[in-house]
N, C-alpha and C. Protein backbone atom coordinates (compact mmCIF):
# COMPACT_ATOMS: atom_id res chain seq x y z
N UNK A 1 0.78 -1.20 0.14
CA UNK A 1 0.07 0.01 0.12
C UNK A 1 0.82 1.27 -0.03
N UNK A 2 0.61 2.38 -0.78
CA UNK A 2 1.36 3.47 -1.11
C UNK A 2 1.14 4.13 0.26
N UNK A 3 2.09 4.82 0.71
CA UNK A 3 2.17 5.34 2.26
C UNK A 3 1.94 7.00 1.77
N UNK A 4 2.11 7.53 0.56
CA UNK A 4 1.84 9.00 0.23
C UNK A 4 3.15 9.59 -0.45
N UNK A 5 3.09 10.83 -0.93
CA UNK A 5 3.92 11.37 -1.83
C UNK A 5 4.91 12.06 -1.21
N UNK A 6 6.41 11.95 -1.57
CA UNK A 6 7.40 12.93 -1.24
C UNK A 6 7.97 13.55 -2.37
N UNK A 7 8.24 14.76 -2.02
CA UNK A 7 8.63 15.51 -3.19
C UNK A 7 10.17 15.93 -3.01
N UNK A 8 11.02 15.70 -4.17
CA UNK A 8 12.33 16.07 -3.89
C UNK A 8 12.74 17.36 -4.81
N UNK A 9 13.03 18.32 -4.21
CA UNK A 9 13.32 19.49 -4.95
C UNK A 9 14.94 19.60 -5.19
N UNK A 10 15.51 19.22 -6.12
CA UNK A 10 16.84 19.13 -6.52
C UNK A 10 17.28 18.93 -7.71
N UNK A 11 17.97 19.48 -8.33
CA UNK A 11 18.12 19.44 -9.82
C UNK A 11 19.60 18.57 -10.05
N UNK A 12 20.15 17.83 -8.64
CA UNK A 12 21.21 16.90 -8.84
C UNK A 12 20.41 15.69 -9.23
N UNK A 13 20.14 15.20 -10.44
CA UNK A 13 19.57 13.88 -10.59
C UNK A 13 20.14 12.66 -10.15
N UNK A 14 21.39 12.41 -10.04
CA UNK A 14 21.99 11.24 -9.39
C UNK A 14 21.63 11.08 -7.99
N UNK A 15 21.77 12.31 -7.27
CA UNK A 15 21.47 12.03 -5.74
C UNK A 15 20.19 11.84 -5.77
N UNK A 16 19.15 12.68 -6.45
CA UNK A 16 17.72 12.47 -6.13
C UNK A 16 17.35 11.03 -6.70
N UNK A 17 17.95 10.46 -7.61
CA UNK A 17 17.50 9.27 -8.23
C UNK A 17 17.82 8.13 -7.16
N UNK A 18 18.99 8.11 -6.45
CA UNK A 18 19.35 7.24 -5.44
C UNK A 18 18.43 7.39 -4.05
N UNK A 19 17.96 8.48 -3.96
CA UNK A 19 17.20 8.66 -2.65
C UNK A 19 15.70 8.19 -2.98
N UNK A 20 15.22 8.39 -4.31
CA UNK A 20 14.01 8.02 -4.80
C UNK A 20 13.91 6.58 -4.42
N UNK A 21 14.95 5.84 -5.04
CA UNK A 21 14.86 4.43 -5.00
C UNK A 21 14.70 3.84 -3.62
N UNK A 22 15.47 4.42 -2.56
CA UNK A 22 15.27 3.83 -1.48
C UNK A 22 13.91 4.21 -0.73
N UNK A 23 13.44 5.44 -1.03
CA UNK A 23 12.15 5.91 -0.58
C UNK A 23 11.08 4.97 -1.19
N UNK A 24 11.34 4.63 -2.44
CA UNK A 24 10.16 3.67 -3.16
C UNK A 24 10.23 2.14 -2.68
N UNK A 25 11.25 1.98 -2.06
CA UNK A 25 11.25 0.64 -1.36
C UNK A 25 10.34 0.56 -0.15
N UNK A 26 10.13 1.54 0.32
CA UNK A 26 9.26 1.65 1.35
C UNK A 26 7.84 2.23 0.98
N UNK A 27 7.49 2.21 -0.23
CA UNK A 27 6.16 2.35 -0.89
C UNK A 27 5.75 3.66 -0.77
N UNK A 28 6.58 4.66 -0.97
CA UNK A 28 6.51 6.08 -1.01
C UNK A 28 6.11 6.30 -2.44
N UNK A 29 5.29 7.25 -2.94
CA UNK A 29 5.54 7.68 -4.29
C UNK A 29 6.31 8.98 -4.47
N UNK A 30 7.67 9.06 -4.94
CA UNK A 30 8.51 10.12 -4.80
C UNK A 30 8.33 10.74 -6.45
N UNK A 31 8.33 11.93 -6.24
CA UNK A 31 8.35 12.93 -7.35
C UNK A 31 9.40 13.81 -7.33
N UNK A 32 10.06 13.90 -8.47
CA UNK A 32 11.35 14.75 -8.51
C UNK A 32 10.90 16.05 -9.20
N UNK A 33 11.25 17.19 -8.75
CA UNK A 33 10.81 18.55 -9.40
C UNK A 33 12.28 19.26 -9.29
N UNK A 34 12.41 20.10 -10.30
CA UNK A 34 13.65 20.89 -10.39
C UNK A 34 13.21 22.55 -10.44
N UNK A 35 12.20 22.72 -9.92
CA UNK A 35 12.00 24.25 -9.84
C UNK A 35 10.98 24.69 -8.57
N UNK A 36 10.87 25.76 -8.08
CA UNK A 36 10.15 26.18 -7.02
C UNK A 36 8.83 26.54 -7.64
N UNK A 37 8.58 26.83 -8.65
CA UNK A 37 7.30 27.18 -9.32
C UNK A 37 6.56 25.91 -9.30
N UNK A 38 7.44 24.73 -10.13
CA UNK A 38 6.61 23.53 -10.04
C UNK A 38 6.18 22.92 -8.66
N UNK A 39 7.00 23.26 -7.69
CA UNK A 39 6.43 22.65 -6.16
C UNK A 39 5.40 23.28 -5.72
N UNK A 40 5.42 24.55 -6.01
CA UNK A 40 4.26 25.46 -5.65
C UNK A 40 2.88 25.02 -6.35
N UNK A 41 3.07 24.84 -7.47
CA UNK A 41 1.77 24.55 -8.43
C UNK A 41 1.30 23.16 -7.93
N UNK A 42 2.60 22.18 -7.79
CA UNK A 42 1.96 20.78 -7.41
C UNK A 42 1.39 20.81 -5.83
N UNK A 43 1.79 21.58 -5.04
CA UNK A 43 1.29 21.49 -3.57
C UNK A 43 -0.19 22.09 -3.58
N UNK A 44 -0.77 22.85 -4.72
CA UNK A 44 -2.18 23.31 -4.63
C UNK A 44 -2.96 21.94 -5.22
N UNK A 45 -2.48 21.02 -5.82
CA UNK A 45 -3.33 20.07 -6.16
C UNK A 45 -3.16 18.86 -5.28
N UNK A 46 -2.26 18.49 -4.77
CA UNK A 46 -1.76 17.28 -4.10
C UNK A 46 -1.17 17.72 -2.50
N UNK A 47 -1.45 16.62 -1.65
CA UNK A 47 -0.86 17.02 -0.25
C UNK A 47 0.32 15.97 0.07
N UNK A 48 1.66 16.39 -0.31
CA UNK A 48 2.87 15.60 -0.05
C UNK A 48 3.04 15.34 1.19
N UNK A 49 3.38 14.11 1.59
CA UNK A 49 3.76 13.83 3.07
C UNK A 49 5.03 14.52 3.44
N UNK A 50 5.99 14.44 2.59
CA UNK A 50 7.33 15.24 2.85
C UNK A 50 7.70 15.99 1.69
N UNK A 51 8.50 16.95 2.05
CA UNK A 51 9.33 17.89 1.02
C UNK A 51 10.69 18.02 1.18
N UNK A 52 11.56 17.49 0.41
CA UNK A 52 13.09 17.97 0.77
C UNK A 52 13.65 19.06 -0.13
N UNK A 53 14.12 19.89 0.40
CA UNK A 53 14.54 21.04 -0.43
C UNK A 53 16.14 21.26 -0.41
N UNK A 54 16.81 21.20 -1.51
CA UNK A 54 18.01 21.41 -1.59
C UNK A 54 18.68 22.56 -1.48
N UNK A 55 19.41 23.03 -0.19
CA UNK A 55 19.65 24.52 -0.21
C UNK A 55 20.97 24.78 -0.95
N UNK A 56 21.63 23.78 -1.05
CA UNK A 56 22.87 23.90 -2.09
C UNK A 56 22.53 24.57 -3.46
N UNK A 57 21.53 24.20 -3.54
CA UNK A 57 20.93 24.66 -5.29
C UNK A 57 20.07 25.90 -5.21
N UNK A 58 19.39 25.90 -4.02
CA UNK A 58 18.07 27.17 -3.77
C UNK A 58 18.59 28.24 -2.80
N UNK A 59 19.50 27.99 -1.91
CA UNK A 59 20.07 29.08 -1.00
C UNK A 59 18.78 29.65 -0.19
N UNK A 60 18.71 30.83 -0.19
CA UNK A 60 17.87 31.78 0.57
C UNK A 60 16.32 31.50 -0.08
N UNK A 61 16.22 31.30 -1.30
CA UNK A 61 14.96 30.88 -1.93
C UNK A 61 14.45 29.72 -1.25
N UNK A 62 15.40 28.73 -0.94
CA UNK A 62 14.61 27.48 -0.20
C UNK A 62 14.20 27.86 1.21
N UNK A 63 14.73 28.80 2.09
CA UNK A 63 14.35 29.09 3.21
C UNK A 63 12.90 29.96 3.08
N UNK A 64 12.90 30.71 1.85
CA UNK A 64 11.63 31.33 1.74
C UNK A 64 10.57 30.61 1.64
N UNK A 65 10.95 29.32 0.42
CA UNK A 65 9.98 28.46 0.21
C UNK A 65 9.45 27.53 1.37
N UNK A 66 10.35 27.46 2.46
CA UNK A 66 9.98 26.60 3.62
C UNK A 66 8.87 27.48 4.32
N UNK A 67 9.22 28.63 4.65
CA UNK A 67 8.13 29.58 5.25
C UNK A 67 6.81 29.38 4.74
N UNK A 68 6.65 29.68 3.36
CA UNK A 68 5.46 29.67 2.69
C UNK A 68 4.86 28.26 2.70
N UNK A 69 5.50 27.02 2.76
CA UNK A 69 4.84 25.89 2.54
C UNK A 69 4.30 25.66 3.97
N UNK A 70 4.91 26.18 5.18
CA UNK A 70 4.47 26.12 6.44
C UNK A 70 3.18 26.80 6.95
N UNK A 71 3.10 27.75 6.11
CA UNK A 71 1.82 28.84 5.99
C UNK A 71 0.71 28.46 5.37
N UNK A 72 1.15 27.52 4.18
CA UNK A 72 -0.09 27.14 3.48
C UNK A 72 -0.78 25.89 4.13
N UNK A 73 -2.02 26.09 3.95
CA UNK A 73 -2.75 24.85 4.78
C UNK A 73 -2.68 23.54 3.92
N UNK A 74 -2.45 23.58 2.57
CA UNK A 74 -2.19 22.14 1.97
C UNK A 74 -0.85 21.70 2.21
N UNK A 75 0.08 22.43 2.83
CA UNK A 75 1.37 21.74 3.07
C UNK A 75 1.75 21.90 4.34
N UNK A 76 1.16 22.44 5.19
CA UNK A 76 1.95 22.90 6.70
C UNK A 76 2.04 21.40 7.43
N UNK A 77 1.25 20.45 7.03
CA UNK A 77 1.41 19.07 7.89
C UNK A 77 2.65 18.24 7.11
N UNK A 78 3.13 18.76 5.97
CA UNK A 78 3.94 18.05 5.32
C UNK A 78 5.39 18.05 6.10
N UNK A 79 6.28 17.14 5.99
CA UNK A 79 7.66 17.02 6.80
C UNK A 79 8.31 18.24 5.86
N UNK A 80 8.92 19.02 6.22
CA UNK A 80 9.75 19.89 5.37
C UNK A 80 11.23 19.86 5.84
N UNK A 81 11.96 19.03 5.04
CA UNK A 81 13.43 18.93 5.11
C UNK A 81 14.36 19.55 4.34
N UNK A 82 15.31 20.28 5.13
CA UNK A 82 16.33 21.16 4.47
C UNK A 82 17.56 20.33 4.04
N UNK A 83 18.13 20.43 2.93
CA UNK A 83 19.28 19.53 2.76
C UNK A 83 20.32 20.17 2.12
N UNK A 84 21.70 20.00 2.50
CA UNK A 84 22.68 20.96 2.18
C UNK A 84 24.15 20.04 2.13
N UNK A 85 25.18 20.61 1.67
CA UNK A 85 26.56 19.73 1.57
C UNK A 85 26.93 19.91 2.88
N UNK A 86 26.84 20.98 3.54
CA UNK A 86 27.53 21.28 4.75
C UNK A 86 26.73 22.01 5.91
N UNK A 87 26.36 21.83 7.00
CA UNK A 87 25.60 22.51 7.79
C UNK A 87 26.19 22.90 9.03
N UNK A 88 26.54 24.21 9.09
CA UNK A 88 26.94 24.82 10.40
C UNK A 88 25.71 25.02 11.34
N UNK A 89 26.16 25.73 12.46
CA UNK A 89 25.14 26.12 13.30
C UNK A 89 24.27 27.11 13.19
N UNK A 90 24.82 28.10 12.40
CA UNK A 90 23.93 29.24 12.13
C UNK A 90 23.04 29.02 10.97
N UNK A 91 23.53 28.03 10.00
CA UNK A 91 22.53 27.59 8.90
C UNK A 91 21.46 26.60 9.55
N UNK A 92 21.70 25.82 10.52
CA UNK A 92 20.63 24.98 10.95
C UNK A 92 19.62 25.72 11.86
N UNK A 93 20.10 26.69 12.75
CA UNK A 93 19.06 27.83 13.13
C UNK A 93 18.25 28.44 12.30
N UNK A 94 18.77 29.01 11.28
CA UNK A 94 18.16 29.62 10.10
C UNK A 94 17.08 28.82 9.55
N UNK A 95 17.36 27.63 9.33
CA UNK A 95 16.43 26.60 8.79
C UNK A 95 15.25 26.39 9.84
N UNK A 96 15.63 26.05 10.98
CA UNK A 96 14.51 25.67 11.79
C UNK A 96 13.67 26.82 12.04
N UNK A 97 14.29 28.16 12.25
CA UNK A 97 13.47 29.31 12.38
C UNK A 97 12.39 29.47 11.20
N UNK A 98 12.85 29.08 9.99
CA UNK A 98 12.01 29.15 8.76
C UNK A 98 10.88 27.97 8.82
N UNK A 99 10.94 27.33 9.62
CA UNK A 99 10.13 26.27 9.95
C UNK A 99 10.14 24.86 9.45
N UNK A 100 11.57 24.56 9.25
CA UNK A 100 11.82 23.10 8.85
C UNK A 100 11.58 22.19 9.82
N UNK A 101 11.43 20.78 9.52
CA UNK A 101 11.32 19.87 10.56
C UNK A 101 12.20 18.98 10.84
N UNK A 102 13.48 19.03 9.71
CA UNK A 102 14.72 18.39 9.89
C UNK A 102 15.63 19.17 8.83
N UNK A 103 17.01 18.92 9.40
CA UNK A 103 17.98 19.48 8.63
C UNK A 103 18.94 18.43 8.35
N UNK A 104 19.07 18.33 7.13
CA UNK A 104 20.41 17.26 6.85
C UNK A 104 21.45 17.65 5.98
N UNK A 105 22.64 17.19 6.13
CA UNK A 105 23.64 17.35 5.35
C UNK A 105 24.13 16.16 4.61
N UNK A 106 25.09 16.17 3.66
CA UNK A 106 25.76 15.19 2.94
C UNK A 106 26.79 14.14 3.69
N UNK A 107 26.70 14.61 5.08
CA UNK A 107 27.45 13.53 6.05
C UNK A 107 26.71 12.32 6.17
N UNK A 108 25.19 12.57 5.88
CA UNK A 108 24.51 11.18 6.16
C UNK A 108 24.53 10.48 4.85
N UNK A 109 24.46 9.11 4.78
CA UNK A 109 24.47 8.51 3.64
C UNK A 109 22.92 8.74 2.96
N UNK A 110 22.86 7.95 1.72
CA UNK A 110 21.23 8.30 1.26
C UNK A 110 20.37 7.38 2.08
N UNK A 111 20.94 6.09 2.57
CA UNK A 111 20.26 5.52 3.50
C UNK A 111 19.69 6.04 4.63
N UNK A 112 20.50 6.65 5.51
CA UNK A 112 20.21 7.38 6.70
C UNK A 112 19.40 8.42 6.57
N UNK A 113 19.67 9.35 5.38
CA UNK A 113 18.67 10.20 5.21
C UNK A 113 17.33 9.91 4.78
N UNK A 114 17.13 8.69 4.18
CA UNK A 114 15.89 8.17 3.83
C UNK A 114 15.24 7.90 5.32
N UNK A 115 16.09 7.23 6.15
CA UNK A 115 15.28 6.89 7.47
C UNK A 115 14.67 8.05 8.21
N UNK A 116 15.86 9.06 8.11
CA UNK A 116 15.36 10.57 9.02
C UNK A 116 14.10 11.14 8.43
N UNK A 117 14.00 11.03 7.14
CA UNK A 117 12.78 11.60 6.42
C UNK A 117 11.60 10.94 6.64
N UNK A 118 11.74 9.54 6.90
CA UNK A 118 10.60 8.66 7.03
C UNK A 118 10.07 8.96 8.63
N UNK A 119 11.21 8.86 9.38
CA UNK A 119 10.88 9.18 10.82
C UNK A 119 10.20 10.36 10.99
N UNK A 120 10.71 11.52 10.42
CA UNK A 120 9.80 12.76 10.81
C UNK A 120 8.47 12.73 10.14
N UNK A 121 8.30 12.10 9.01
CA UNK A 121 6.84 11.91 8.68
C UNK A 121 6.04 11.35 9.51
N UNK A 122 6.50 10.09 10.05
CA UNK A 122 5.66 9.46 10.93
C UNK A 122 5.49 10.16 12.36
N UNK A 123 6.29 11.09 12.68
CA UNK A 123 6.41 11.86 13.92
C UNK A 123 5.35 13.09 13.78
N UNK A 124 5.01 13.58 12.71
CA UNK A 124 4.26 14.59 12.28
C UNK A 124 3.06 13.87 12.18
N UNK A 125 2.74 12.91 11.45
CA UNK A 125 1.27 12.32 11.48
C UNK A 125 0.63 11.64 12.76
N UNK A 126 1.64 11.52 13.41
CA UNK A 126 1.05 10.98 14.93
C UNK A 126 0.99 12.33 15.87
N UNK A 127 1.72 13.22 15.66
CA UNK A 127 1.48 14.20 16.45
C UNK A 127 0.62 15.63 16.36
N UNK A 128 0.57 15.79 14.81
CA UNK A 128 -0.10 16.80 14.46
C UNK A 128 -1.51 16.81 14.70
N UNK A 129 -2.04 18.07 15.15
CA UNK A 129 -3.49 18.10 15.44
C UNK A 129 -4.19 18.33 14.09
N UNK A 130 -5.28 17.45 13.63
CA UNK A 130 -5.93 17.82 12.46
C UNK A 130 -6.95 18.87 12.54
N UNK A 131 -7.18 19.43 13.73
CA UNK A 131 -8.18 20.47 13.83
C UNK A 131 -7.59 21.55 14.69
N UNK A 132 -8.13 22.70 14.39
CA UNK A 132 -7.42 23.94 14.92
C UNK A 132 -8.88 24.55 15.46
N UNK A 133 -8.69 25.26 16.55
CA UNK A 133 -9.81 26.08 17.38
C UNK A 133 -9.36 27.43 17.55
N UNK A 134 -10.27 28.51 17.17
CA UNK A 134 -10.13 29.84 17.38
C UNK A 134 -11.60 30.21 17.76
N UNK A 135 -11.43 30.89 19.12
CA UNK A 135 -12.79 31.45 19.41
C UNK A 135 -13.92 30.17 19.41
N UNK A 136 -15.10 30.36 18.84
CA UNK A 136 -15.99 29.58 18.97
C UNK A 136 -15.72 28.67 17.76
N UNK A 137 -14.90 28.83 16.83
CA UNK A 137 -14.66 28.19 15.40
C UNK A 137 -13.84 26.73 15.69
N UNK A 138 -14.16 25.77 15.14
CA UNK A 138 -13.31 24.77 15.13
C UNK A 138 -13.40 24.34 13.30
N UNK A 139 -11.97 24.13 12.99
CA UNK A 139 -11.52 24.13 11.59
C UNK A 139 -10.76 22.84 11.32
N UNK A 140 -11.43 21.94 10.66
CA UNK A 140 -11.15 20.43 10.46
C UNK A 140 -10.09 20.62 8.90
N UNK A 141 -9.13 20.31 9.14
CA UNK A 141 -7.89 20.54 7.91
C UNK A 141 -8.27 19.37 6.94
N UNK A 142 -8.27 18.24 7.52
CA UNK A 142 -8.59 17.13 6.61
C UNK A 142 -9.77 17.02 6.01
N UNK A 143 -10.96 17.45 6.85
CA UNK A 143 -12.12 17.32 6.03
C UNK A 143 -12.61 18.38 5.48
N UNK A 144 -11.77 19.48 5.67
CA UNK A 144 -12.10 21.06 4.97
C UNK A 144 -13.66 21.32 5.56
N UNK A 145 -13.78 21.31 6.89
CA UNK A 145 -15.10 21.50 7.44
C UNK A 145 -14.84 22.44 8.55
N UNK A 146 -15.96 23.38 8.81
CA UNK A 146 -15.82 24.42 9.72
C UNK A 146 -17.21 24.48 10.54
N UNK A 147 -17.03 24.54 12.04
CA UNK A 147 -18.01 24.47 12.88
C UNK A 147 -18.02 25.67 13.85
N UNK A 148 -19.06 26.39 13.88
CA UNK A 148 -19.33 27.77 14.82
C UNK A 148 -20.14 27.35 15.99
N UNK A 149 -19.57 27.11 17.15
CA UNK A 149 -20.35 26.85 18.38
C UNK A 149 -20.96 25.47 18.24
N UNK A 150 -20.20 24.45 17.38
CA UNK A 150 -20.52 23.03 17.12
C UNK A 150 -21.42 22.72 16.15
N UNK A 151 -22.16 24.09 15.59
CA UNK A 151 -22.81 23.91 14.36
C UNK A 151 -21.94 24.10 12.96
N UNK A 152 -22.18 23.16 12.04
CA UNK A 152 -21.37 23.30 10.87
C UNK A 152 -21.84 24.38 9.81
N UNK A 153 -20.72 25.07 9.37
CA UNK A 153 -20.75 26.29 8.42
C UNK A 153 -20.52 25.64 7.06
N UNK A 154 -21.20 25.89 5.99
CA UNK A 154 -21.25 25.51 4.59
C UNK A 154 -20.28 26.61 3.85
N UNK A 155 -18.96 26.15 3.77
CA UNK A 155 -18.09 27.30 3.01
C UNK A 155 -17.45 26.56 1.81
N UNK A 156 -17.34 27.38 0.76
CA UNK A 156 -16.58 27.05 -0.58
C UNK A 156 -15.20 26.66 -0.21
N UNK A 157 -14.59 26.15 -1.14
CA UNK A 157 -13.29 25.80 -1.14
C UNK A 157 -12.37 27.28 -0.89
N UNK A 158 -12.70 28.19 -1.68
CA UNK A 158 -11.82 29.10 -1.43
C UNK A 158 -12.03 29.86 -0.29
N UNK A 159 -13.31 29.99 0.10
CA UNK A 159 -13.64 30.65 1.52
C UNK A 159 -13.11 29.91 2.84
N UNK A 160 -12.85 28.61 2.59
CA UNK A 160 -12.12 27.83 3.70
C UNK A 160 -10.75 27.94 3.60
N UNK A 161 -9.89 28.12 2.49
CA UNK A 161 -8.50 28.53 2.38
C UNK A 161 -8.46 29.87 3.13
N UNK A 162 -9.37 30.93 2.73
CA UNK A 162 -9.27 32.15 3.30
C UNK A 162 -9.26 32.28 4.55
N UNK A 163 -10.39 31.51 5.22
CA UNK A 163 -10.45 31.41 6.66
C UNK A 163 -9.37 30.79 7.29
N UNK A 164 -8.97 29.82 6.67
CA UNK A 164 -7.66 29.06 7.45
C UNK A 164 -6.41 30.16 7.52
N UNK A 165 -6.39 30.64 6.32
CA UNK A 165 -5.18 31.60 6.09
C UNK A 165 -5.16 32.64 7.26
N UNK A 166 -6.28 33.13 7.53
CA UNK A 166 -6.25 34.10 8.61
C UNK A 166 -6.23 33.67 9.99
N UNK A 167 -7.27 32.64 10.19
CA UNK A 167 -7.27 32.06 11.39
C UNK A 167 -6.11 31.41 12.06
N UNK A 168 -5.07 30.82 11.14
CA UNK A 168 -4.10 30.15 11.59
C UNK A 168 -2.89 31.06 12.09
N UNK A 169 -2.89 32.22 11.69
CA UNK A 169 -1.73 33.19 11.74
C UNK A 169 -2.76 34.66 12.49
N UNK A 170 -3.22 34.49 13.59
CA UNK A 170 -3.85 35.47 14.26
C UNK A 170 -2.86 36.74 14.71
N UNK A 171 -3.50 38.07 14.45
CA UNK A 171 -2.79 39.14 14.61
C UNK A 171 -2.06 39.51 13.43
N UNK A 172 -1.67 38.55 12.57
CA UNK A 172 -1.06 39.08 11.49
C UNK A 172 -1.57 39.62 10.30
N UNK A 173 -1.32 40.74 10.02
CA UNK A 173 -2.06 41.59 8.96
C UNK A 173 -1.52 40.98 7.62
N UNK A 174 -2.69 40.49 6.84
CA UNK A 174 -2.22 40.11 5.40
C UNK A 174 -2.65 41.04 4.43
N UNK A 175 -1.80 41.57 3.49
CA UNK A 175 -2.03 42.35 2.44
C UNK A 175 -2.86 41.86 1.34
N UNK A 176 -3.69 42.33 0.52
CA UNK A 176 -4.59 41.96 -0.29
C UNK A 176 -4.02 41.23 -1.37
N UNK A 177 -2.60 41.61 -1.67
CA UNK A 177 -1.63 40.96 -2.79
C UNK A 177 -1.31 39.60 -2.10
N UNK A 178 -1.03 39.66 -0.89
CA UNK A 178 -0.46 38.44 -0.34
C UNK A 178 -1.70 37.44 -0.09
N UNK A 179 -2.88 37.84 0.25
CA UNK A 179 -3.96 36.94 0.27
C UNK A 179 -4.33 36.35 -1.08
N UNK A 180 -4.00 37.01 -2.30
CA UNK A 180 -4.37 36.70 -3.72
C UNK A 180 -3.38 35.63 -3.99
N UNK A 181 -1.98 35.70 -3.62
CA UNK A 181 -1.08 34.84 -3.89
C UNK A 181 -1.25 33.44 -3.03
N UNK A 182 -1.81 33.49 -1.96
CA UNK A 182 -1.73 32.36 -0.97
C UNK A 182 -2.99 31.63 -1.18
N UNK A 183 -3.95 32.36 -1.53
CA UNK A 183 -5.13 31.47 -1.69
C UNK A 183 -5.57 31.25 -3.26
N UNK A 184 -5.49 32.01 -4.03
CA UNK A 184 -5.61 31.68 -5.34
C UNK A 184 -4.45 31.42 -5.99
N UNK A 185 -3.24 31.62 -5.65
CA UNK A 185 -2.08 31.49 -6.42
C UNK A 185 -1.46 32.52 -7.66
N UNK A 186 -0.34 32.57 -7.74
CA UNK A 186 0.09 33.64 -8.61
C UNK A 186 -0.38 33.52 -10.17
N UNK A 187 -0.73 32.47 -10.67
CA UNK A 187 -1.03 32.13 -11.92
C UNK A 187 -2.56 32.36 -12.16
N UNK A 188 -3.36 32.66 -11.17
CA UNK A 188 -4.75 32.81 -11.23
C UNK A 188 -5.06 34.35 -11.33
N UNK A 189 -5.64 34.99 -12.50
CA UNK A 189 -5.91 36.37 -12.52
C UNK A 189 -7.11 36.62 -11.53
N UNK A 190 -6.91 37.49 -10.59
CA UNK A 190 -7.99 37.76 -9.93
C UNK A 190 -7.45 39.30 -9.45
N UNK A 191 -8.56 40.12 -8.85
CA UNK A 191 -7.99 41.49 -8.59
C UNK A 191 -8.22 41.54 -6.94
N UNK A 192 -7.86 42.67 -6.46
CA UNK A 192 -8.27 43.04 -4.91
C UNK A 192 -9.65 43.01 -4.58
N UNK A 193 -10.34 43.55 -5.67
CA UNK A 193 -11.82 43.62 -5.43
C UNK A 193 -12.26 42.11 -5.09
N UNK A 194 -11.70 41.10 -5.70
CA UNK A 194 -12.10 39.65 -5.38
C UNK A 194 -12.10 39.38 -4.03
N UNK A 195 -10.90 39.67 -3.55
CA UNK A 195 -10.71 39.58 -1.92
C UNK A 195 -11.68 40.17 -1.25
N UNK A 196 -11.90 41.46 -1.43
CA UNK A 196 -13.01 42.10 -0.61
C UNK A 196 -14.28 41.40 -0.76
N UNK A 197 -14.73 40.93 -1.63
CA UNK A 197 -16.07 40.26 -2.13
C UNK A 197 -15.89 39.13 -1.23
N UNK A 198 -14.72 38.21 -1.24
CA UNK A 198 -14.90 37.08 -0.56
C UNK A 198 -14.80 37.08 0.72
N UNK A 199 -14.26 38.19 1.30
CA UNK A 199 -14.07 38.60 2.88
C UNK A 199 -15.48 38.82 3.27
N UNK A 200 -16.35 39.56 2.35
CA UNK A 200 -17.64 40.02 2.81
C UNK A 200 -18.60 38.80 2.90
N UNK A 201 -18.41 37.92 2.08
CA UNK A 201 -19.14 36.52 2.17
C UNK A 201 -18.77 35.87 3.17
N UNK A 202 -17.56 35.48 3.44
CA UNK A 202 -16.95 34.92 4.75
C UNK A 202 -17.72 35.41 5.84
N UNK A 203 -17.51 36.54 6.02
CA UNK A 203 -18.04 37.44 7.15
C UNK A 203 -19.62 36.84 7.41
N UNK A 204 -20.30 37.04 6.27
CA UNK A 204 -21.88 36.60 6.45
C UNK A 204 -21.91 35.18 6.73
N UNK A 205 -20.98 34.17 6.23
CA UNK A 205 -21.01 32.90 6.55
C UNK A 205 -20.97 32.57 7.96
N UNK A 206 -20.25 33.60 8.61
CA UNK A 206 -19.59 33.34 10.04
C UNK A 206 -20.67 34.13 10.90
N UNK A 207 -21.80 34.67 10.42
CA UNK A 207 -22.93 35.28 10.83
C UNK A 207 -22.64 36.63 11.24
N UNK A 208 -21.60 37.39 10.51
CA UNK A 208 -21.49 38.75 10.73
C UNK A 208 -22.11 39.64 9.45
N UNK A 209 -22.94 40.60 10.20
CA UNK A 209 -23.43 41.38 9.10
C UNK A 209 -23.40 43.04 9.46
N UNK A 210 -22.52 43.19 10.65
CA UNK A 210 -22.67 44.59 11.18
C UNK A 210 -20.90 44.79 11.45
N UNK A 211 -20.87 45.97 11.48
CA UNK A 211 -19.60 46.50 12.08
C UNK A 211 -19.51 46.90 13.69
N UNK A 212 -18.58 46.65 14.29
CA UNK A 212 -17.07 46.08 13.87
C UNK A 212 -17.39 44.37 14.02
N UNK A 213 -16.60 43.65 13.32
CA UNK A 213 -16.32 42.19 13.05
C UNK A 213 -15.78 41.68 14.27
N UNK A 214 -16.41 40.52 14.75
CA UNK A 214 -15.94 39.79 15.85
C UNK A 214 -14.83 38.94 15.65
N UNK A 215 -14.50 38.57 14.01
CA UNK A 215 -13.50 37.88 13.53
C UNK A 215 -12.32 38.34 12.66
N UNK A 216 -12.93 39.05 11.57
CA UNK A 216 -12.06 39.51 10.66
C UNK A 216 -11.98 41.15 10.72
N UNK A 217 -11.03 41.43 10.75
CA UNK A 217 -10.73 42.98 10.99
C UNK A 217 -10.23 43.45 9.80
N UNK A 218 -10.74 44.63 9.33
CA UNK A 218 -10.41 45.39 8.06
C UNK A 218 -9.06 46.44 8.61
N UNK A 219 -8.05 46.40 7.90
CA UNK A 219 -6.78 47.09 8.33
C UNK A 219 -6.70 48.11 7.08
N UNK A 220 -7.42 49.40 7.21
CA UNK A 220 -7.51 50.22 6.05
C UNK A 220 -6.40 50.59 5.49
N UNK A 221 -6.27 50.50 4.13
CA UNK A 221 -5.00 50.73 3.46
C UNK A 221 -4.06 49.78 3.33
N UNK A 222 -4.27 48.53 4.15
CA UNK A 222 -3.31 47.47 4.11
C UNK A 222 -3.95 46.20 3.89
N UNK A 223 -4.82 45.59 4.59
CA UNK A 223 -5.69 44.18 4.39
C UNK A 223 -6.43 43.84 5.42
N UNK A 224 -6.27 42.72 5.75
CA UNK A 224 -7.22 42.00 6.93
C UNK A 224 -6.19 41.35 8.09
N UNK A 225 -6.89 41.06 8.92
CA UNK A 225 -6.30 40.21 9.82
C UNK A 225 -7.63 39.40 10.71
N UNK A 226 -7.13 38.41 11.30
CA UNK A 226 -8.07 37.68 12.36
C UNK A 226 -7.88 38.14 13.64
N UNK A 227 -8.82 38.53 14.43
CA UNK A 227 -8.85 39.19 15.76
C UNK A 227 -8.70 37.93 16.76
């Protein structure tokens, strides 16, 4: 039985193929990608169990990607592993602060790297909460369902993504541009007005028809945040 998908972001084909073969022996579906754009597109369509990012190739872009993947509700429960040729203390700290679950270097053999990746995947699967609770809202990440005071709320896919983005980072102010990129993606053409309309409809679904809002605050000239 297939245990899930692992993504390798690394253009060193030989190393990746060796690691892929080991992971496949344990029934993982391993996908090889060679660009950040392709992993962003893939993560919107699928939910990988693990993502290995080669910092030797992608450097600071890899750290930025790590942060975005942990902020994205489709990938935040994936095991994010950063990989580099040599890892000093400063680099490891930077990676962990970016949200990485594991940091590996080439001092490990492919087999040990494989074992560590699989171990962190198991740990996340057994320890991660599948639900988050904010105020009287309960958001189920796996089922894409929301309850308010125990009663289900019917949200569209986009409304769910929008609510999760805001509720998972309380007090963080998101600009309209940032919301557009994280909820709709960069390749989808929508306007700032689209964000405002969806916020209005989401508020209504949450039972809010009057100002001030109990859940989503408008920060004039900037964007929105969850209270």
